[in-house]
Amino acid sequence: MVVVIFILFAWFCTQVLLNLRRKLPLVVNVLLFMAIEVLLTNKLTISGFSLKLFEMNQSIPHFIALILHNDFTVTFVLLAFANLFLTSPKTSVRISIAIYAFLIQLLLGSALRWNHILIYKDWSFFKESLMILLVMAYTLFWGKIFQRMASKEGWIR
């Protein structure tokens, strides 16, 4: 059941990204996808294994749900955030997508906790919120760099 829940989350977040009207060029999205994946994998490894801030449930369905969460759901939320934030000229759209990205990541983190996928030890709502904001800033930083790089190299038509 937990895998189905996270498949639905992944499907929803993928649909949000695919249905955006304004998008960054494909090459920027691919580079940004790789940069986000590196960060999310290292964040999970460092905070879970090295710092022991939480434990992961050892069952296979819970592990698959964690992979879906980490590799699809959060990644596509951050890609949608970067695409809309970096391509929209309206401040209201930028604020809306930032709020959406922040709140959906909080919801997804809570779903991990509610479904006993992650068991928090020394992790709190404040630390999770701060981590989400830092990951969003990291995404915007690299998105802007890749966007400039693509325009300088002529990858944008």
Protein backbone atom coordinates (compact mmCIF):
# COMPACT_ATOMS: atom_id res chain seq x y z
CA MET A 1 0.00 0.00 0.00
CA VAL A 2 2.84 2.40 0.84
CA VAL A 3 4.37 1.92 -2.61
CA VAL A 4 1.04 2.79 -4.27
CA ILE A 5 0.80 6.01 -2.25
CA PHE A 6 4.25 7.13 -3.35
CA ILE A 7 3.61 6.09 -6.96
CA LEU A 8 0.59 8.41 -6.90
CA PHE A 9 2.70 11.20 -5.39
CA ALA A 10 5.34 10.67 -8.09
CA TRP A 11 2.68 10.65 -10.82
CA PHE A 12 1.15 13.88 -9.53
CA CYS A 13 4.50 15.69 -9.31
CA THR A 14 5.48 14.46 -12.77
CA GLN A 15 2.19 15.72 -14.22
CA VAL A 16 2.69 19.14 -12.64
CA LEU A 17 6.12 19.42 -14.29
CA LEU A 18 4.96 18.16 -17.68
CA ASN A 19 1.97 20.50 -17.81
CA LEU A 20 3.90 23.70 -17.21
CA ARG A 21 3.50 26.24 -19.99
CA ARG A 22 6.94 27.78 -19.55
CA LYS A 23 9.93 25.49 -19.27
CA LEU A 24 13.66 25.74 -19.33
CA PRO A 25 15.42 24.16 -22.31
CA LEU A 26 15.78 20.38 -22.22
CA VAL A 27 19.55 20.51 -21.74
CA VAL A 28 19.12 22.78 -18.70
CA ASN A 29 16.51 20.42 -17.25
CA VAL A 30 18.76 17.40 -17.74
CA LEU A 31 21.74 19.11 -16.09
CA LEU A 32 19.53 20.39 -13.29
CA PHE A 33 18.04 16.93 -12.80
CA MET A 34 21.52 15.48 -12.34
CA ALA A 35 22.56 18.24 -9.93
CA ILE A 36 19.40 17.73 -7.85
CA GLU A 37 19.88 13.96 -7.77
CA VAL A 38 23.46 14.31 -6.54
CA LEU A 39 22.31 16.62 -3.76
CA LEU A 40 19.34 14.48 -2.70
CA THR A 41 21.36 11.27 -2.63
CA ASN A 42 24.13 12.86 -0.60
CA LYS A 43 21.61 14.58 1.71
CA LEU A 44 19.92 11.26 2.45
CA THR A 45 23.20 9.43 2.94
CA ILE A 46 24.83 12.04 5.14
CA SER A 47 21.81 12.85 7.29
CA GLY A 48 20.65 9.25 7.59
CA PHE A 49 23.82 7.20 7.82
CA SER A 50 26.56 9.56 8.91
CA LEU A 51 24.71 11.92 11.26
CA LYS A 52 22.09 9.33 12.30
CA LEU A 53 19.30 11.95 12.32
CA PHE A 54 16.80 9.30 11.24
CA GLU A 55 16.56 5.58 10.53
CA MET A 56 15.19 3.98 7.42
CA ASN A 57 12.64 1.21 7.62
CA GLN A 58 14.28 -2.02 6.45
CA SER A 59 11.31 -3.56 4.61
CA ILE A 60 11.45 -3.73 0.82
CA PRO A 61 8.15 -1.86 0.13
CA HIS A 62 9.26 0.97 2.41
CA PHE A 63 12.64 1.12 0.68
CA ILE A 64 10.97 1.26 -2.76
CA ALA A 65 8.71 4.07 -1.50
CA LEU A 66 11.78 5.97 -0.28
CA ILE A 67 13.42 5.59 -3.69
CA LEU A 68 10.27 6.85 -5.42
CA HIS A 69 10.17 9.78 -3.03
CA ASN A 70 13.82 10.70 -3.38
CA ASP A 71 14.35 10.04 -7.09
CA PHE A 72 11.04 11.11 -8.60
CA THR A 73 8.72 13.04 -6.35
CA VAL A 74 11.08 15.57 -4.78
CA THR A 75 13.17 15.85 -7.92
CA PHE A 76 10.16 16.71 -10.09
CA VAL A 77 8.83 19.16 -7.49
CA LEU A 78 12.18 20.94 -7.56
CA LEU A 79 12.35 20.87 -11.36
CA ALA A 80 8.85 22.37 -11.61
CA PHE A 81 9.89 24.99 -9.07
CA ALA A 82 13.03 25.93 -10.99
CA ASN A 83 11.29 25.91 -14.38
CA LEU A 84 8.49 28.20 -13.33
CA PHE A 85 10.58 30.42 -11.07
CA LEU A 86 13.30 31.02 -13.65
CA THR A 87 11.04 31.50 -16.67
CA SER A 88 8.14 33.51 -15.26
CA PRO A 89 8.30 37.31 -15.33
CA LYS A 90 5.50 37.66 -12.75
CA THR A 91 6.40 37.94 -9.07
CA SER A 92 3.07 36.43 -8.01
CA VAL A 93 3.80 33.25 -10.02
CA ARG A 94 7.26 33.00 -8.50
CA ILE A 95 5.88 33.36 -4.97
CA SER A 96 3.12 30.82 -5.69
CA ILE A 97 5.50 28.18 -7.04
CA ALA A 98 7.89 28.72 -4.12
CA ILE A 99 5.05 28.21 -1.63
CA TYR A 100 3.80 25.15 -3.55
CA ALA A 101 7.28 23.59 -3.65
CA PHE A 102 7.89 24.23 0.04
CA LEU A 103 4.51 22.95 1.22
CA ILE A 104 4.45 19.86 -1.01
CA GLN A 105 7.90 18.88 0.24
CA LEU A 106 6.71 19.29 3.83
CA LEU A 107 3.69 17.11 3.03
CA LEU A 108 5.89 14.48 1.41
CA GLY A 109 8.27 14.50 4.37
CA SER A 110 5.32 14.04 6.70
CA ALA A 111 4.08 11.17 4.54
CA LEU A 112 7.46 9.47 5.02
CA ARG A 113 7.05 9.80 8.76
CA TRP A 114 3.35 8.80 8.83
CA ASN A 115 4.03 5.65 6.81
CA HIS A 116 7.04 4.73 9.00
CA ILE A 117 9.44 4.88 6.06
CA LEU A 118 11.74 7.17 8.04
CA ILE A 119 11.91 7.06 11.81
CA TYR A 120 13.12 10.41 13.08
CA LYS A 121 15.62 10.48 15.92
CA ASP A 122 17.22 13.91 16.07
CA TRP A 123 15.27 15.44 13.19
CA SER A 124 12.65 18.11 13.68
CA PHE A 125 10.14 20.16 11.71
CA PHE A 126 12.50 23.14 11.88
CA LYS A 127 15.45 21.15 10.53
CA GLU A 128 13.31 19.72 7.77
CA SER A 129 12.02 23.18 6.81
CA LEU A 130 15.53 24.59 6.77
CA MET A 131 16.75 21.68 4.64
CA ILE A 132 13.91 22.23 2.17
CA LEU A 133 14.75 25.93 1.85
CA LEU A 134 18.44 25.15 1.33
CA VAL A 135 17.64 22.55 -1.34
CA MET A 136 15.34 25.03 -3.09
CA ALA A 137 18.08 27.69 -3.03
CA TYR A 138 20.59 25.15 -4.37
CA THR A 139 18.15 24.28 -7.19
CA LEU A 140 17.68 27.93 -8.15
CA PHE A 141 21.42 28.59 -8.02
CA TRP A 142 22.28 25.74 -10.39
CA GLY A 143 19.23 26.38 -12.56
CA LYS A 144 20.33 29.98 -13.10
CA ILE A 145 23.90 28.90 -13.86
CA PHE A 146 22.75 26.23 -16.34
CA GLN A 147 20.30 28.68 -17.92
CA ARG A 148 23.08 31.24 -18.47
CA MET A 149 25.44 28.56 -19.72
CA ALA A 150 22.85 27.33 -22.22
CA SER A 151 22.20 30.83 -23.54
CA LYS A 152 25.93 31.62 -23.84
CA GLU A 153 26.69 28.35 -25.62
CA GLY A 154 23.76 28.78 -27.98
CA TRP A 155 21.85 25.73 -26.77
CA ILE A 156 18.62 27.74 -26.70
CA ARG A 157 16.81 28.21 -29.99
